[in-house]
C-alpha atoms as a PDB file:
ATOM      1  CA  MET A   1      68.735-154.705 -45.373  1.00  0.00           C
ATOM      2  CA  THR A   2      69.458-153.547 -48.660  1.00  0.00           C
ATOM      3  CA  ALA A   3      69.537-149.518 -49.325  1.00  0.00           C
ATOM      4  CA  LEU A   4      67.755-149.805 -52.961  1.00  0.00           C
ATOM      5  CA  PRO A   5      65.649-146.672 -54.208  1.00  0.00           C
ATOM      6  CA  PRO A   6      61.702-147.023 -54.257  1.00  0.00           C
ATOM      7  CA  LEU A   7      60.179-147.572 -57.758  1.00  0.00           C
ATOM      8  CA  PRO A   8      58.060-145.127 -59.116  1.00  0.00           C
ATOM      9  CA  ASP A   9      54.530-145.323 -57.516  1.00  0.00           C
ATOM     10  CA  LEU A  10      53.427-144.895 -61.188  1.00  0.00           C
ATOM     11  CA  ILE A  11      54.786-148.537 -61.641  1.00  0.00           C
ATOM     12  CA  LEU A  12      53.389-150.411 -58.643  1.00  0.00           C
ATOM     13  CA  GLU A  13      49.638-148.608 -58.530  1.00  0.00           C
ATOM     14  CA  PRO A  14      48.185-150.610 -61.012  1.00  0.00           C
ATOM     15  CA  LEU A  15      49.136-153.514 -58.864  1.00  0.00           C
ATOM     16  CA  VAL A  16      47.430-152.376 -56.109  1.00  0.00           C
ATOM     17  CA  ARG A  17      44.430-150.917 -57.680  1.00  0.00           C
ATOM     18  CA  ALA A  18      43.715-154.526 -58.988  1.00  0.00           C
ATOM     19  CA  ALA A  19      44.340-156.058 -55.647  1.00  0.00           C
ATOM     20  CA  LEU A  20      41.797-153.388 -54.298  1.00  0.00           C
ATOM     21  CA  ALA A  21      39.691-153.872 -56.694  1.00  0.00           C
ATOM     22  CA  GLU A  22      39.609-157.892 -56.449  1.00  0.00           C
ATOM     23  CA  ASP A  23      39.029-157.333 -52.721  1.00  0.00           C
ATOM     24  CA  LEU A  24      36.066-154.615 -53.007  1.00  0.00           C
ATOM     25  CA  GLY A  25      34.445-156.234 -55.483  1.00  0.00           C
ATOM     26  CA  THR A  26      31.221-155.008 -56.698  1.00  0.00           C
ATOM     27  CA  SER A  27      29.848-153.373 -53.537  1.00  0.00           C
ATOM     28  CA  GLY A  28      32.676-152.305 -51.589  1.00  0.00           C
ATOM     29  CA  ASP A  29      33.250-153.128 -47.832  1.00  0.00           C
ATOM     30  CA  ILE A  30      29.949-154.333 -47.152  1.00  0.00           C
ATOM     31  CA  THR A  31      30.816-155.357 -43.079  1.00  0.00           C
ATOM     32  CA  THR A  32      32.892-151.710 -42.683  1.00  0.00           C
ATOM     33  CA  ARG A  33      29.922-149.595 -44.071  1.00  0.00           C
ATOM     34  CA  THR A  34      27.185-151.579 -41.954  1.00  0.00           C
ATOM     35  CA  VAL A  35      29.219-151.139 -38.748  1.00  0.00           C
ATOM     36  CA  ILE A  36      31.392-147.863 -38.588  1.00  0.00           C
ATOM     37  CA  PRO A  37      29.318-144.580 -38.060  1.00  0.00           C
ATOM     38  CA  ALA A  38      30.234-142.609 -40.813  1.00  0.00           C
ATOM     39  CA  GLY A  39      32.813-139.599 -39.907  1.00  0.00           C
ATOM     40  CA  THR A  40      34.704-142.486 -37.128  1.00  0.00           C
ATOM     41  CA  ARG A  41      38.306-141.727 -37.393  1.00  0.00           C
ATOM     42  CA  TYR A  42      41.013-143.930 -36.143  1.00  0.00           C
ATOM     43  CA  GLY A  43      44.857-144.356 -36.033  1.00  0.00           C
ATOM     44  CA  ALA A  44      46.397-147.482 -36.595  1.00  0.00           C
ATOM     45  CA  ARG A  45      49.715-149.369 -36.664  1.00  0.00           C
ATOM     46  CA  ILE A  46      50.966-152.227 -39.107  1.00  0.00           C
ATOM     47  CA  VAL A  47      52.946-154.461 -36.107  1.00  0.00           C
ATOM     48  CA  ALA A  48      55.203-157.343 -36.563  1.00  0.00           C
ATOM     49  CA  ARG A  49      54.331-160.330 -34.919  1.00  0.00           C
ATOM     50  CA  GLU A  50      57.917-161.421 -35.777  1.00  0.00           C
ATOM     51  CA  ALA A  51      61.451-160.442 -36.662  1.00  0.00           C
ATOM     52  CA  GLY A  52      62.286-160.175 -40.765  1.00  0.00           C
ATOM     53  CA  VAL A  53      63.005-157.772 -43.331  1.00  0.00           C
ATOM     54  CA  ALA A  54      60.701-155.554 -44.578  1.00  0.00           C
ATOM     55  CA  SER A  55      59.700-155.235 -48.070  1.00  0.00           C
ATOM     56  CA  GLY A  56      56.008-154.110 -50.079  1.00  0.00           C
ATOM     57  CA  MET A  57      55.732-151.039 -47.273  1.00  0.00           C
ATOM     58  CA  GLN A  58      55.559-148.990 -50.357  1.00  0.00           C
ATOM     59  CA  LEU A  59      52.619-151.122 -51.869  1.00  0.00           C
ATOM     60  CA  ALA A  60      50.908-151.055 -48.607  1.00  0.00           C
ATOM     61  CA  ALA A  61      51.186-147.088 -48.517  1.00  0.00           C
ATOM     62  CA  ILE A  62      50.043-147.105 -51.778  1.00  0.00           C
ATOM     63  CA  ALA A  63      46.840-148.913 -50.576  1.00  0.00           C
ATOM     64  CA  PHE A  64      45.706-146.781 -48.484  1.00  0.00           C
ATOM     65  CA  ARG A  65      46.185-143.291 -50.028  1.00  0.00           C
ATOM     66  CA  LEU A  66      44.391-145.120 -53.253  1.00  0.00           C
ATOM     67  CA  VAL A  67      41.207-145.952 -51.089  1.00  0.00           C
ATOM     68  CA  ASP A  68      41.710-142.680 -49.022  1.00  0.00           C
ATOM     69  CA  PRO A  69      44.092-139.592 -50.482  1.00  0.00           C
ATOM     70  CA  ALA A  70      43.521-137.908 -47.040  1.00  0.00           C
ATOM     71  CA  LEU A  71      44.551-140.356 -45.010  1.00  0.00           C
ATOM     72  CA  ALA A  72      47.972-139.521 -43.137  1.00  0.00           C
ATOM     73  CA  LEU A  73      50.673-142.478 -42.948  1.00  0.00           C
ATOM     74  CA  ARG A  74      53.727-142.816 -41.759  1.00  0.00           C
ATOM     75  CA  ILE A  75      56.610-145.472 -42.881  1.00  0.00           C
ATOM     76  CA  LEU A  76      58.428-146.549 -39.931  1.00  0.00           C
ATOM     77  CA  CYS A  77      60.253-149.497 -41.084  1.00  0.00           C
ATOM     78  CA  PRO A  78      61.036-148.737 -44.967  1.00  0.00           C
ATOM     79  CA  ASP A  79      61.691-151.402 -47.335  1.00  0.00           C
ATOM     80  CA  GLY A  80      65.063-153.188 -47.038  1.00  0.00           C
ATOM     81  CA  GLN A  81      65.183-152.523 -43.249  1.00  0.00           C
ATOM     82  CA  ALA A  82      65.443-155.407 -40.907  1.00  0.00           C
ATOM     83  CA  PHE A  83      62.837-155.145 -38.105  1.00  0.00           C
ATOM     84  CA  ALA A  84      62.075-157.087 -34.377  1.00  0.00           C
ATOM     85  CA  ALA A  85      59.162-158.866 -33.697  1.00  0.00           C
ATOM     86  CA  GLY A  86      56.836-156.074 -31.993  1.00  0.00           C
ATOM     87  CA  ASP A  87      58.213-153.199 -33.983  1.00  0.00           C
ATOM     88  CA  THR A  88      55.888-150.673 -35.591  1.00  0.00           C
ATOM     89  CA  LEU A  89      56.386-150.772 -39.290  1.00  0.00           C
ATOM     90  CA  ALA A  90      54.135-147.921 -40.144  1.00  0.00           C
ATOM     91  CA  GLU A  91      51.195-145.551 -38.843  1.00  0.00           C
ATOM     92  CA  VAL A  92      47.822-144.790 -40.105  1.00  0.00           C
ATOM     93  CA  GLU A  93      45.616-142.194 -39.398  1.00  0.00           C
ATOM     94  CA  GLY A  94      42.295-140.874 -40.164  1.00  0.00           C
ATOM     95  CA  CYS A  95      38.725-142.371 -41.591  1.00  0.00           C
ATOM     96  CA  ALA A  96      38.270-145.325 -39.410  1.00  0.00           C
ATOM     97  CA  ALA A  97      36.344-146.899 -42.643  1.00  0.00           C
ATOM     98  CA  ALA A  98      39.250-146.273 -45.210  1.00  0.00           C
ATOM     99  CA  ILE A  99      41.452-147.525 -43.046  1.00  0.00           C
ATOM    100  CA  LEU A 100      39.856-151.319 -42.692  1.00  0.00           C
ATOM    101  CA  SER A 101      38.998-151.418 -46.707  1.00  0.00           C
ATOM    102  CA  ALA A 102      42.534-151.331 -47.284  1.00  0.00           C
ATOM    103  CA  GLU A 103      44.118-153.313 -44.200  1.00  0.00           C
ATOM    104  CA  ARG A 104      44.052-156.653 -45.792  1.00  0.00           C
ATOM    105  CA  VAL A 105      45.385-155.461 -49.404  1.00  0.00           C
ATOM    106  CA  ALA A 106      48.138-153.735 -47.102  1.00  0.00           C
ATOM    107  CA  LEU A 107      48.821-156.927 -45.372  1.00  0.00           C
ATOM    108  CA  ASN A 108      49.006-159.060 -47.916  1.00  0.00           C
ATOM    109  CA  PHE A 109      51.666-157.214 -50.036  1.00  0.00           C
ATOM    110  CA  ALA A 110      53.475-156.147 -46.519  1.00  0.00           C
ATOM    111  CA  GLY A 111      53.492-159.783 -45.274  1.00  0.00           C
ATOM    112  CA  ARG A 112      54.270-162.151 -49.124  1.00  0.00           C
ATOM    113  CA  LEU A 113      56.931-159.452 -49.890  1.00  0.00           C
ATOM    114  CA  SER A 114      58.511-159.016 -46.528  1.00  0.00           C
ATOM    115  CA  GLY A 115      58.508-163.415 -46.109  1.00  0.00           C
ATOM    116  CA  ILE A 116      60.469-163.010 -49.623  1.00  0.00           C
ATOM    117  CA  ALA A 117      62.812-160.516 -48.086  1.00  0.00           C
ATOM    118  CA  THR A 118      63.535-162.187 -44.889  1.00  0.00           C
ATOM    119  CA  MET A 119      64.011-165.611 -46.758  1.00  0.00           C
ATOM    120  CA  THR A 120      66.668-163.858 -49.328  1.00  0.00           C
ATOM    121  CA  ALA A 121      68.513-162.401 -46.382  1.00  0.00           C
ATOM    122  CA  ALA A 122      69.137-165.671 -44.474  1.00  0.00           C
ATOM    123  CA  PHE A 123      70.414-167.022 -47.959  1.00  0.00           C
ATOM    124  CA  VAL A 124      72.566-163.853 -48.130  1.00  0.00           C
ATOM    125  CA  ALA A 125      73.856-164.528 -44.660  1.00  0.00           C
ATOM    126  CA  GLU A 126      75.039-167.738 -45.717  1.00  0.00           C
ATOM    127  CA  THR A 127      77.383-166.429 -48.177  1.00  0.00           C
ATOM    128  CA  ARG A 128      79.245-164.021 -46.291  1.00  0.00           C
ATOM    129  CA  GLY A 129      83.012-164.162 -47.026  1.00  0.00           C
ATOM    130  CA  THR A 130      83.115-165.099 -50.489  1.00  0.00           C
ATOM    131  CA  GLN A 131      82.316-163.593 -53.851  1.00  0.00           C
ATOM    132  CA  ALA A 132      79.015-165.597 -54.347  1.00  0.00           C
ATOM    133  CA  ARG A 133      75.728-163.587 -55.238  1.00  0.00           C
ATOM    134  CA  ILE A 134      72.386-164.725 -54.281  1.00  0.00           C
ATOM    135  CA  THR A 135      69.983-164.299 -57.363  1.00  0.00           C
ATOM    136  CA  CYS A 136      65.851-165.608 -57.746  1.00  0.00           C
ATOM    137  CA  THR A 137      64.766-166.748 -60.944  1.00  0.00           C
ATOM    138  CA  ARG A 138      61.511-166.678 -62.971  1.00  0.00           C
ATOM    139  CA  LYS A 139      59.126-168.308 -60.397  1.00  0.00           C
ATOM    140  CA  THR A 140      57.232-165.958 -59.365  1.00  0.00           C
ATOM    141  CA  THR A 141      53.796-165.684 -59.233  1.00  0.00           C
ATOM    142  CA  PRO A 142      51.850-164.588 -62.452  1.00  0.00           C
ATOM    143  CA  GLY A 143      51.465-160.481 -62.231  1.00  0.00           C
ATOM    144  CA  LEU A 144      53.836-159.927 -59.184  1.00  0.00           C
ATOM    145  CA  ARG A 145      57.090-160.440 -60.823  1.00  0.00           C
ATOM    146  CA  LEU A 146      58.071-157.095 -60.430  1.00  0.00           C
ATOM    147  CA  VAL A 147      57.425-156.740 -56.599  1.00  0.00           C
ATOM    148  CA  GLU A 148      58.765-160.058 -56.233  1.00  0.00           C
ATOM    149  CA  LYS A 149      62.176-159.669 -57.452  1.00  0.00           C
ATOM    150  CA  GLN A 150      62.319-156.396 -55.867  1.00  0.00           C
ATOM    151  CA  ALA A 151      61.357-158.295 -52.240  1.00  0.00           C
ATOM    152  CA  VAL A 152      64.550-160.437 -53.305  1.00  0.00           C
ATOM    153  CA  ARG A 153      66.535-157.142 -53.837  1.00  0.00           C
ATOM    154  CA  HIS A 154      65.740-155.428 -50.594  1.00  0.00           C
ATOM    155  CA  GLY A 155      66.745-159.417 -48.645  1.00  0.00           C
ATOM    156  CA  GLY A 156      70.170-158.282 -50.540  1.00  0.00           C
ATOM    157  CA  GLY A 157      69.946-160.577 -53.137  1.00  0.00           C
ATOM    158  CA  PHE A 158      70.213-160.081 -57.019  1.00  0.00           C
ATOM    159  CA  SER A 159      67.901-160.198 -59.976  1.00  0.00           C
ATOM    160  CA  HIS A 160      68.652-162.952 -62.703  1.00  0.00           C
ATOM    161  CA  ARG A 161      66.502-161.451 -66.109  1.00  0.00           C
ATOM    162  CA  PHE A 162      63.336-160.715 -65.679  1.00  0.00           C
ATOM    163  CA  GLY A 163      61.934-162.384 -68.591  1.00  0.00           C
ATOM    164  CA  LEU A 164      62.299-163.931 -71.683  1.00  0.00           C
ATOM    165  CA  SER A 165      63.314-161.045 -73.065  1.00  0.00           C
ATOM    166  CA  ASP A 166      66.160-159.694 -71.202  1.00  0.00           C
ATOM    167  CA  ALA A 167      69.000-162.290 -72.455  1.00  0.00           C
ATOM    168  CA  ILE A 168      69.652-165.749 -74.191  1.00  0.00           C
ATOM    169  CA  LEU A 169      69.844-168.374 -71.444  1.00  0.00           C
ATOM    170  CA  ILE A 170      70.072-171.603 -73.317  1.00  0.00           C
ATOM    171  CA  LYS A 171      68.399-174.540 -71.055  1.00  0.00           C
ATOM    172  CA  ASP A 172      69.105-178.421 -71.254  1.00  0.00           C
ATOM    173  CA  ASN A 173      65.820-178.490 -73.657  1.00  0.00           C
ATOM    174  CA  HIS A 174      67.188-175.941 -75.985  1.00  0.00           C
ATOM    175  CA  ILE A 175      70.382-177.702 -76.268  1.00  0.00           C
ATOM    176  CA  ALA A 176      68.250-180.829 -77.015  1.00  0.00           C
ATOM    177  CA  ALA A 177      65.916-179.313 -79.402  1.00  0.00           C
ATOM    178  CA  ALA A 178      68.573-177.415 -81.429  1.00  0.00           C
ATOM    179  CA  GLY A 179      70.968-180.523 -81.977  1.00  0.00           C
ATOM    180  CA  GLY A 180      73.636-180.063 -79.502  1.00  0.00           C
ATOM    181  CA  ILE A 181      76.065-177.401 -77.402  1.00  0.00           C
ATOM    182  CA  ARG A 182      77.744-176.174 -80.420  1.00  0.00           C
ATOM    183  CA  PRO A 183      75.090-175.418 -82.293  1.00  0.00           C
ATOM    184  CA  VAL A 184      73.206-173.488 -80.122  1.00  0.00           C
ATOM    185  CA  LEU A 185      76.225-171.162 -79.454  1.00  0.00           C
ATOM    186  CA  ARG A 186      77.133-170.451 -83.158  1.00  0.00           C
ATOM    187  CA  ALA A 187      73.505-169.895 -83.564  1.00  0.00           C
ATOM    188  CA  CYS A 188      73.870-166.699 -80.951  1.00  0.00           C
ATOM    189  CA  LYS A 189      77.216-165.801 -82.706  1.00  0.00           C
ATOM    190  CA  ALA A 190      75.531-165.277 -86.008  1.00  0.00           C
ATOM    191  CA  HIS A 191      72.378-164.085 -84.744  1.00  0.00           C
ATOM    192  CA  ALA A 192      72.162-162.432 -80.977  1.00  0.00           C
ATOM    193  CA  SER A 193      73.330-158.621 -80.727  1.00  0.00           C
ATOM    194  CA  HIS A 194      76.352-157.614 -79.396  1.00  0.00           C
ATOM    195  CA  MET A 195      74.546-156.209 -76.522  1.00  0.00           C
ATOM    196  CA  MET A 196      72.617-158.989 -75.651  1.00  0.00           C
ATOM    197  CA  ARG A 197      74.251-161.851 -72.781  1.00  0.00           C
ATOM    198  CA  VAL A 198      74.190-165.546 -73.157  1.00  0.00           C
ATOM    199  CA  GLU A 199      73.822-168.173 -70.762  1.00  0.00           C
ATOM    200  CA  ILE A 200      74.288-171.472 -71.181  1.00  0.00           C
ATOM    201  CA  GLU A 201      73.140-174.378 -69.074  1.00  0.00           C
ATOM    202  CA  VAL A 202      75.667-177.452 -68.925  1.00  0.00           C
ATOM    203  CA  ASP A 203      75.131-180.222 -65.929  1.00  0.00           C
ATOM    204  CA  ARG A 204      78.644-182.357 -66.423  1.00  0.00           C
ATOM    205  CA  LEU A 205      82.172-181.143 -66.923  1.00  0.00           C
ATOM    206  CA  ASP A 206      82.338-182.710 -70.409  1.00  0.00           C
ATOM    207  CA  GLN A 207      79.686-179.954 -71.380  1.00  0.00           C
ATOM    208  CA  LEU A 208      81.486-177.421 -69.358  1.00  0.00           C
ATOM    209  CA  ALA A 209      84.728-178.082 -71.675  1.00  0.00           C
ATOM    210  CA  GLU A 210      82.662-177.841 -75.274  1.00  0.00           C
ATOM    211  CA  VAL A 211      81.463-174.563 -74.065  1.00  0.00           C
ATOM    212  CA  LEU A 212      84.672-173.479 -73.459  1.00  0.00           C
ATOM    213  CA  GLU A 213      86.590-174.608 -76.788  1.00  0.00           C
ATOM    214  CA  GLU A 214      83.618-173.298 -78.383  1.00  0.00           C
ATOM    215  CA  GLY A 215      83.298-170.110 -77.061  1.00  0.00           C
ATOM    216  CA  GLY A 216      79.975-167.522 -77.130  1.00  0.00           C
ATOM    217  CA  ALA A 217      79.199-167.341 -73.457  1.00  0.00           C
ATOM    218  CA  ASP A 218      79.293-164.918 -71.085  1.00  0.00           C
ATOM    219  CA  VAL A 219      77.633-167.082 -68.167  1.00  0.00           C
ATOM    220  CA  VAL A 220      77.182-171.060 -67.677  1.00  0.00           C
ATOM    221  CA  LEU A 221      74.636-172.284 -65.623  1.00  0.00           C
ATOM    222  CA  LEU A 222      76.106-175.307 -63.639  1.00  0.00           C
ATOM    223  CA  ASP A 223      73.144-177.594 -62.963  1.00  0.00           C
ATOM    224  CA  ASN A 224      72.342-179.283 -59.673  1.00  0.00           C
ATOM    225  CA  MET A 225      76.074-180.272 -59.174  1.00  0.00           C
ATOM    226  CA  ASP A 226      77.884-181.380 -55.940  1.00  0.00           C
ATOM    227  CA  ALA A 227      80.319-179.104 -54.361  1.00  0.00           C
ATOM    228  CA  ALA A 228      83.735-181.279 -55.435  1.00  0.00           C
ATOM    229  CA  THR A 229      82.388-180.833 -59.116  1.00  0.00           C
ATOM    230  CA  LEU A 230      81.620-177.049 -59.152  1.00  0.00           C
ATOM    231  CA  ARG A 231      85.141-176.413 -57.312  1.00  0.00           C
ATOM    232  CA  GLU A 232      86.293-178.367 -60.647  1.00  0.00           C
ATOM    233  CA  ALA A 233      84.479-176.294 -62.500  1.00  0.00           C
ATOM    234  CA  VAL A 234      85.903-172.894 -61.452  1.00  0.00           C
ATOM    235  CA  ALA A 235      89.474-174.631 -61.842  1.00  0.00           C
ATOM    236  CA  MET A 236      88.066-175.033 -65.605  1.00  0.00           C
ATOM    237  CA  THR A 237      86.919-171.644 -66.260  1.00  0.00           C
ATOM    238  CA  GLY A 238      89.808-170.196 -64.766  1.00  0.00           C
ATOM    239  CA  GLY A 239      87.753-166.859 -64.022  1.00  0.00           C
ATOM    240  CA  ARG A 240      87.108-166.731 -68.441  1.00  0.00           C
ATOM    241  CA  LEU A 241      83.201-166.830 -67.490  1.00  0.00           C
ATOM    242  CA  VAL A 242      80.612-165.792 -64.904  1.00  0.00           C
ATOM    243  CA  LEU A 243      79.425-169.121 -62.946  1.00  0.00           C
ATOM    244  CA  GLU A 244      76.046-169.638 -61.803  1.00  0.00           C
ATOM    245  CA  ALA A 245      75.424-172.935 -59.372  1.00  0.00           C
ATOM    246  CA  SER A 246      71.634-173.855 -59.995  1.00  0.00           C
ATOM    247  CA  GLY A 247      69.323-176.642 -58.892  1.00  0.00           C
ATOM    248  CA  ASN A 248      68.447-178.110 -55.277  1.00  0.00           C
ATOM    249  CA  MET A 249      70.109-174.771 -53.481  1.00  0.00           C
ATOM    250  CA  ARG A 250      68.869-175.457 -49.781  1.00  0.00           C
ATOM    251  CA  LEU A 251      69.452-173.124 -47.147  1.00  0.00           C
ATOM    252  CA  GLU A 252      71.794-175.733 -45.683  1.00  0.00           C
ATOM    253  CA  ARG A 253      73.584-176.227 -48.928  1.00  0.00           C
ATOM    254  CA  ILE A 254      74.673-172.692 -49.494  1.00  0.00           C
ATOM    255  CA  ALA A 255      77.761-172.315 -47.429  1.00  0.00           C
ATOM    256  CA  GLU A 256      79.294-174.399 -48.781  1.00  0.00           C
ATOM    257  CA  VAL A 257      78.167-174.182 -52.758  1.00  0.00           C
ATOM    258  CA  ALA A 258      79.479-170.444 -52.087  1.00  0.00           C
ATOM    259  CA  ALA A 259      83.027-171.665 -51.117  1.00  0.00           C
ATOM    260  CA  THR A 260      83.280-173.009 -53.944  1.00  0.00           C
ATOM    261  CA  GLY A 261      84.281-169.998 -55.879  1.00  0.00           C
ATOM    262  CA  VAL A 262      80.863-169.676 -58.031  1.00  0.00           C
ATOM    263  CA  ASP A 263      79.903-166.265 -58.475  1.00  0.00           C
ATOM    264  CA  TYR A 264      76.342-166.475 -58.429  1.00  0.00           C
ATOM    265  CA  ILE A 265      73.730-169.464 -56.637  1.00  0.00           C
ATOM    266  CA  SER A 266      70.085-168.915 -57.919  1.00  0.00           C
ATOM    267  CA  VAL A 267      67.503-170.119 -55.553  1.00  0.00           C
ATOM    268  CA  GLY A 268      63.790-170.571 -57.107  1.00  0.00           C
ATOM    269  CA  ALA A 269      62.664-171.043 -53.641  1.00  0.00           C
ATOM    270  CA  LEU A 270      62.903-167.029 -52.774  1.00  0.00           C
ATOM    271  CA  THR A 271      59.987-166.242 -54.855  1.00  0.00           C
ATOM    272  CA  HIS A 272      57.599-169.562 -54.911  1.00  0.00           C
ATOM    273  CA  SER A 273      58.134-170.988 -51.297  1.00  0.00           C
ATOM    274  CA  ALA A 274      59.046-167.826 -48.812  1.00  0.00           C
ATOM    275  CA  ARG A 275      56.401-168.170 -46.004  1.00  0.00           C
ATOM    276  CA  THR A 276      54.309-164.741 -45.743  1.00  0.00           C
ATOM    277  CA  LEU A 277      55.489-163.194 -42.513  1.00  0.00           C
ATOM    278  CA  ASP A 278      53.095-162.343 -39.816  1.00  0.00           C
ATOM    279  CA  LEU A 279      52.052-158.564 -39.542  1.00  0.00           C
ATOM    280  CA  GLY A 280      48.997-157.159 -38.045  1.00  0.00           C
ATOM    281  CA  LEU A 281      47.029-153.733 -38.262  1.00  0.00           C
ATOM    282  CA  ASP A 282      46.164-153.023 -34.660  1.00  0.00           C
ATOM    283  CA  PHE A 283      43.769-150.420 -33.548  1.00  0.00           C
END
């Protein structure tokens, strides 16, 4: 779907090591050690039981290689590429015990992340013909934000800020605690680095007008607005600021929201509600 350079294995390896350590526990794969004769070699395939967009294949490959660097692995459907039900996504050959011991971790990563990429691709398809981009949020699985946001990119989406230290995002609670829109924007102008972008959330057009009058913001998050109000916000702004629509962004709403002229549509569901895709390892 999206040609995106892979992340260095060095960055991803700690995530896979932790998952393997969790699965293998203190005694390793007892079942495999008990029933598979030493020296048994086999070939296996990761097969898609349903159509989707691949993500997590790089992590699956790392899982197999960490268990046994001698395994011969071939990725047939790289991350970001669409596949059909029945397609073989990867082939692995070598020690049968090693393949079986890495199987579940490899499939967990590939299934979970392919589900995110596939859901993202469906949302992106609804924006065709408009300037709107689909973006994810910080509503991610603790510890897996890096790969879940990468999966959104594989599905054709974009990433919002990665964490709290990337950019200033002033939400309604910040505004309430700081005393209003003007005080928070003035504080940003006084203290924020010139390299730090500022986004502020509004849920009414009078708040947007206040932001436009005060200045100091780069992006405005239009929260829980209907399509008519979003169109008014776009007209009021006149291209002076980047506009991001957010809140209750279901798939069936995306085409209508994208047509209003907003620049971004943020969807928390991409990472917190995507269904794990059905992938299997066939011997």
